[in-house]
Amino acid sequence: ISGNFDPGVITLSATLLPGTSLEYMTNALREEANRLASDGATEYELQKVKNRTEAVKVVSEIQLTNKARNIATYETIGDANLINTEFDIYDSVTNDEIKEAMHRIVCESNESLLYYKAKNRK
């Protein structure tokens, strides 16, 4: 799952192991989305995502050009100060909010599927 600036957009992705069908992967992603909608994330999953989000943010701002790009992005969406508060927003997300968002947004009639297939290499 990745972040996006558009409300209501959730991205789920997977990389297939050799021999795994697209149908199997699609069904597995739908099952996981349904599990998150009904049960929410486990405490371990939620903390892992928060830790990863913080690490990505810290690393992304080591270089000055990346920090400038982040500030420009926040200014474009209307609040350059988000550079200072973004992680606090992510850190405050609760499991109940995840369940509510997944329940409200995720349904087959609301999904778009995009499959990337590698070319066969010799």
Protein backbone atom coordinates (compact mmCIF):
# COMPACT_ATOMS: atom_id res chain seq x y z
CA ILE A 1 0.00 0.00 0.00
CA SER A 2 1.39 3.39 -0.88
CA GLY A 3 0.45 6.93 -0.10
CA ASN A 4 -1.21 9.30 -2.49
CA PHE A 5 -2.38 12.90 -2.29
CA ASP A 6 -5.78 12.03 -3.74
CA PRO A 7 -8.41 11.19 -1.12
CA GLY A 8 -9.83 7.72 -1.59
CA VAL A 9 -6.90 6.32 -3.56
CA ILE A 10 -5.34 3.18 -2.17
CA THR A 11 -2.71 1.27 -4.09
CA LEU A 12 -2.11 -2.41 -3.49
CA SER A 13 0.74 -4.11 -5.30
CA ALA A 14 2.39 -7.50 -5.45
CA THR A 15 5.22 -9.24 -7.26
CA LEU A 16 4.41 -12.70 -8.50
CA LEU A 17 6.60 -15.64 -7.69
CA PRO A 18 7.36 -17.93 -10.63
CA GLY A 19 4.39 -20.17 -11.31
CA THR A 20 1.84 -17.89 -9.60
CA SER A 21 -1.12 -16.87 -11.73
CA LEU A 22 -2.47 -13.33 -12.04
CA GLU A 23 -5.87 -14.64 -10.96
CA TYR A 24 -4.41 -16.09 -7.75
CA MET A 25 -2.56 -12.84 -6.99
CA THR A 26 -5.62 -10.68 -7.71
CA ASN A 27 -7.77 -12.82 -5.40
CA ALA A 28 -5.10 -12.71 -2.68
CA LEU A 29 -4.97 -8.90 -2.85
CA ARG A 30 -8.76 -8.68 -2.67
CA GLU A 31 -8.78 -11.01 0.36
CA GLU A 32 -6.15 -8.86 2.07
CA ALA A 33 -8.12 -5.68 1.35
CA ASN A 34 -11.26 -7.30 2.75
CA ARG A 35 -9.34 -8.45 5.86
CA LEU A 36 -8.13 -4.90 6.46
CA ALA A 37 -11.68 -3.60 6.03
CA SER A 38 -13.15 -6.07 8.51
CA ASP A 39 -10.34 -6.67 11.02
CA GLY A 40 -7.94 -3.81 10.44
CA ALA A 41 -4.18 -4.16 10.60
CA THR A 42 -2.46 -6.00 13.40
CA GLU A 43 -0.51 -3.85 15.85
CA TYR A 44 2.69 -5.29 14.35
CA GLU A 45 1.62 -4.37 10.79
CA LEU A 46 0.59 -0.87 11.80
CA GLN A 47 3.84 -0.20 13.68
CA LYS A 48 5.89 -1.64 10.81
CA VAL A 49 4.24 0.76 8.34
CA LYS A 50 4.75 3.71 10.68
CA ASN A 51 8.43 2.81 11.15
CA ARG A 52 8.94 2.41 7.39
CA THR A 53 7.19 5.73 6.72
CA GLU A 54 9.43 7.52 9.21
CA ALA A 55 12.58 5.91 7.80
CA VAL A 56 11.67 6.82 4.22
CA LYS A 57 10.97 10.42 5.25
CA VAL A 58 14.25 10.78 7.14
CA VAL A 59 16.29 9.28 4.32
CA SER A 60 14.46 11.33 1.69
CA GLU A 61 15.51 14.56 3.39
CA ILE A 62 19.22 13.81 3.77
CA GLN A 63 19.94 15.49 0.46
CA LEU A 64 19.03 19.15 0.20
CA THR A 65 17.53 18.72 -3.29
CA ASN A 66 15.12 16.08 -1.99
CA LYS A 67 14.07 18.29 0.92
CA ALA A 68 13.46 21.18 -1.50
CA ARG A 69 11.40 18.87 -3.72
CA ASN A 70 9.34 17.75 -0.70
CA ILE A 71 8.69 21.36 0.34
CA ALA A 72 7.63 22.18 -3.23
CA THR A 73 5.29 19.19 -3.27
CA TYR A 74 3.64 20.25 0.00
CA GLU A 75 3.34 23.83 -1.23
CA THR A 76 1.68 22.54 -4.41
CA ILE A 77 -0.96 20.73 -2.37
CA GLY A 78 -1.50 23.83 -0.27
CA ASP A 79 0.65 23.65 2.89
CA ALA A 80 4.45 23.76 2.84
CA ASN A 81 4.44 23.30 6.63
CA LEU A 82 3.42 19.67 6.09
CA ILE A 83 7.17 19.03 5.79
CA ASN A 84 7.22 19.50 9.58
CA THR A 85 4.01 17.69 10.49
CA GLU A 86 3.61 14.89 7.93
CA PHE A 87 5.03 12.13 10.09
CA ASP A 88 2.89 13.19 13.06
CA ILE A 89 -0.15 12.74 10.82
CA TYR A 90 0.96 9.24 9.78
CA ASP A 91 1.89 8.35 13.36
CA SER A 92 -1.57 9.33 14.63
CA VAL A 93 -3.42 6.93 12.28
CA THR A 94 -5.41 4.37 14.23
CA ASN A 95 -6.54 0.90 13.35
CA ASP A 96 -10.17 2.05 13.46
CA GLU A 97 -9.38 4.71 10.82
CA ILE A 98 -7.78 2.07 8.62
CA LYS A 99 -10.83 -0.20 8.89
CA GLU A 100 -13.20 2.68 8.16
CA ALA A 101 -11.23 3.84 5.12
CA MET A 102 -10.81 0.33 3.72
CA HIS A 103 -14.50 -0.44 4.29
CA ARG A 104 -15.57 2.80 2.60
CA ILE A 105 -13.19 2.71 -0.35
CA VAL A 106 -12.34 -0.89 -1.22
CA CYS A 107 -14.84 -2.78 -3.35
CA GLU A 108 -14.53 -4.53 -6.72
CA SER A 109 -16.75 -1.95 -8.42
CA ASN A 110 -14.30 0.75 -7.31
CA GLU A 111 -11.08 -0.93 -8.43
CA SER A 112 -8.79 -0.49 -11.38
CA LEU A 113 -6.32 -3.25 -12.17
CA LEU A 114 -3.01 -2.74 -13.90
CA TYR A 115 -0.70 -5.64 -14.62
CA TYR A 116 2.95 -5.17 -15.59
CA LYS A 117 4.42 -8.19 -17.33
CA ALA A 118 8.12 -8.65 -17.91
CA LYS A 119 9.28 -9.56 -21.38
CA ASN A 120 10.54 -13.11 -21.70
CA ARG A 121 14.32 -13.02 -21.58
CA LYS A 122 16.53 -15.59 -23.23
